[in-house]
Amino acid sequence: VSPPCPRSPSGGVPALLRSRGVPVLLRRLHVGDFLWVAREKDPPTGHAPRELALDVVVERKSAADLGNSIRDGRYREQKFRLRRSGLRCPLYLLEEPGEGEPLPLPLPSLRQAAASTQV
């Protein structure tokens, strides 16, 4: 069983991956929070390694961020951009709220949004 992932997006998941020997490179993405890239191992001399984005993109949401993005319309727009990205496996990684965490919407509404996203 893995320890819970820390909530800090800049340190949490990248730090967890690095601790398990996975190389991580931070870049600004136009869509999603995480993207896997295949990099050429032996590029021709004098050339940078070529990169190929794999078909998985992850949008990570805390419960509070999900509620806020539903209320202000970003959630629908982000789902649209993920679908239009051309990547075949867009994923939402939705975090359960922490005990006593204040939420902008009731938990059943957040769970309904998660269920409708799966469909």
Protein backbone atom coordinates (compact mmCIF):
# COMPACT_ATOMS: atom_id res chain seq x y z
CA VAL A 1 0.00 0.00 0.00
CA SER A 2 1.38 3.38 -0.99
CA PRO A 3 1.38 6.30 1.43
CA PRO A 4 -1.15 9.01 0.61
CA CYS A 5 0.09 11.44 -1.99
CA PRO A 6 0.92 14.89 -0.59
CA ARG A 7 -1.47 17.56 -1.82
CA SER A 8 1.09 20.05 -3.10
CA PRO A 9 0.93 19.78 -6.92
CA SER A 10 4.46 21.12 -7.35
CA GLY A 11 6.06 18.81 -4.79
CA GLY A 12 3.56 16.02 -4.20
CA VAL A 13 3.30 13.73 -7.20
CA PRO A 14 6.66 14.67 -8.79
CA ALA A 15 8.44 14.08 -5.47
CA LEU A 16 6.65 10.75 -5.02
CA LEU A 17 7.62 9.64 -8.55
CA ARG A 18 11.24 10.71 -8.07
CA SER A 19 11.42 8.79 -4.78
CA ARG A 20 10.48 5.69 -6.77
CA GLY A 21 13.14 6.22 -9.42
CA VAL A 22 10.92 7.76 -12.10
CA PRO A 23 12.59 10.67 -13.94
CA VAL A 24 10.44 13.80 -13.79
CA LEU A 25 10.72 16.98 -15.86
CA LEU A 26 8.46 19.90 -14.99
CA ARG A 27 7.03 21.93 -17.87
CA ARG A 28 4.01 24.13 -18.42
CA LEU A 29 1.25 22.19 -20.21
CA HIS A 30 -1.59 23.60 -22.30
CA VAL A 31 -3.93 20.91 -21.04
CA GLY A 32 -3.82 18.71 -17.95
CA ASP A 33 -1.40 18.51 -15.05
CA PHE A 34 0.63 15.40 -15.98
CA LEU A 35 1.69 13.97 -19.32
CA TRP A 36 3.96 11.02 -20.09
CA VAL A 37 6.65 11.49 -22.72
CA ALA A 38 8.86 8.93 -24.45
CA ARG A 39 12.36 10.31 -25.09
CA GLU A 40 14.86 8.95 -27.59
CA LYS A 41 17.70 7.18 -25.73
CA ASP A 42 20.48 7.49 -28.33
CA PRO A 43 19.97 10.63 -30.44
CA PRO A 44 22.29 11.30 -33.37
CA THR A 45 25.47 13.11 -32.37
CA GLY A 46 24.87 16.83 -31.98
CA HIS A 47 21.08 16.48 -31.81
CA ALA A 48 18.76 16.76 -28.84
CA PRO A 49 16.72 13.63 -28.10
CA ARG A 50 13.37 13.55 -29.85
CA GLU A 51 10.27 13.34 -27.67
CA LEU A 52 6.86 11.80 -28.26
CA ALA A 53 3.88 12.56 -26.02
CA LEU A 54 2.11 9.35 -25.03
CA ASP A 55 -1.68 9.19 -25.16
CA VAL A 56 -2.30 9.72 -21.43
CA VAL A 57 -2.94 13.13 -19.87
CA VAL A 58 -4.03 13.57 -16.25
CA GLU A 59 -5.98 16.48 -14.79
CA ARG A 60 -5.62 16.35 -10.99
CA LYS A 61 -8.31 17.96 -8.83
CA SER A 62 -8.66 18.32 -5.10
CA ALA A 63 -12.26 18.17 -3.86
CA ALA A 64 -12.24 21.92 -3.18
CA ASP A 65 -10.80 22.73 -6.62
CA LEU A 66 -13.39 20.49 -8.28
CA GLY A 67 -16.19 22.32 -6.49
CA ASN A 68 -14.78 25.74 -7.35
CA SER A 69 -14.22 24.80 -11.00
CA ILE A 70 -17.82 23.52 -11.27
CA ARG A 71 -19.15 26.76 -9.80
CA ASP A 72 -17.12 29.07 -12.06
CA GLY A 73 -17.45 27.02 -15.28
CA ARG A 74 -13.81 25.89 -15.59
CA TYR A 75 -14.75 22.23 -15.09
CA ARG A 76 -16.83 22.03 -18.27
CA GLU A 77 -14.21 23.99 -20.25
CA GLN A 78 -11.38 21.75 -18.97
CA LYS A 79 -13.28 18.59 -19.89
CA PHE A 80 -13.83 20.03 -23.38
CA ARG A 81 -10.11 20.86 -23.78
CA LEU A 82 -9.10 17.39 -22.56
CA ARG A 83 -11.41 15.76 -25.12
CA ARG A 84 -10.11 18.03 -27.90
CA SER A 85 -6.44 17.45 -27.02
CA GLY A 86 -6.12 14.53 -29.43
CA LEU A 87 -4.82 12.30 -26.62
CA ARG A 88 -6.80 9.07 -26.39
CA CYS A 89 -6.69 8.64 -22.60
CA PRO A 90 -7.64 11.83 -20.79
CA LEU A 91 -7.97 11.08 -17.06
CA TYR A 92 -9.32 13.00 -14.11
CA LEU A 93 -7.58 12.22 -10.83
CA LEU A 94 -10.07 13.34 -8.18
CA GLU A 95 -8.94 13.45 -4.58
CA GLU A 96 -11.25 12.65 -1.71
CA PRO A 97 -11.61 15.60 0.65
CA GLY A 98 -9.65 15.53 3.87
CA GLU A 99 -11.53 15.19 7.15
CA GLY A 100 -13.15 18.52 7.97
CA GLU A 101 -11.99 20.11 4.70
CA PRO A 102 -14.37 22.96 3.75
CA LEU A 103 -16.04 22.33 0.39
CA PRO A 104 -17.67 24.87 -1.94
CA LEU A 105 -20.36 22.31 -2.91
CA PRO A 106 -21.94 19.40 -1.02
CA LEU A 107 -19.98 16.13 -1.27
CA PRO A 108 -22.86 14.32 -3.11
CA SER A 109 -22.68 17.01 -5.84
CA LEU A 110 -18.93 16.45 -6.22
CA ARG A 111 -19.43 12.70 -6.41
CA GLN A 112 -22.15 13.17 -9.05
CA ALA A 113 -19.77 15.31 -11.12
CA ALA A 114 -17.14 12.57 -10.84
CA ALA A 115 -19.64 9.91 -11.91
CA SER A 116 -20.86 11.94 -14.89
CA THR A 117 -17.24 12.51 -15.97
CA GLN A 118 -16.65 8.73 -15.96
CA VAL A 119 -19.64 8.21 -18.26
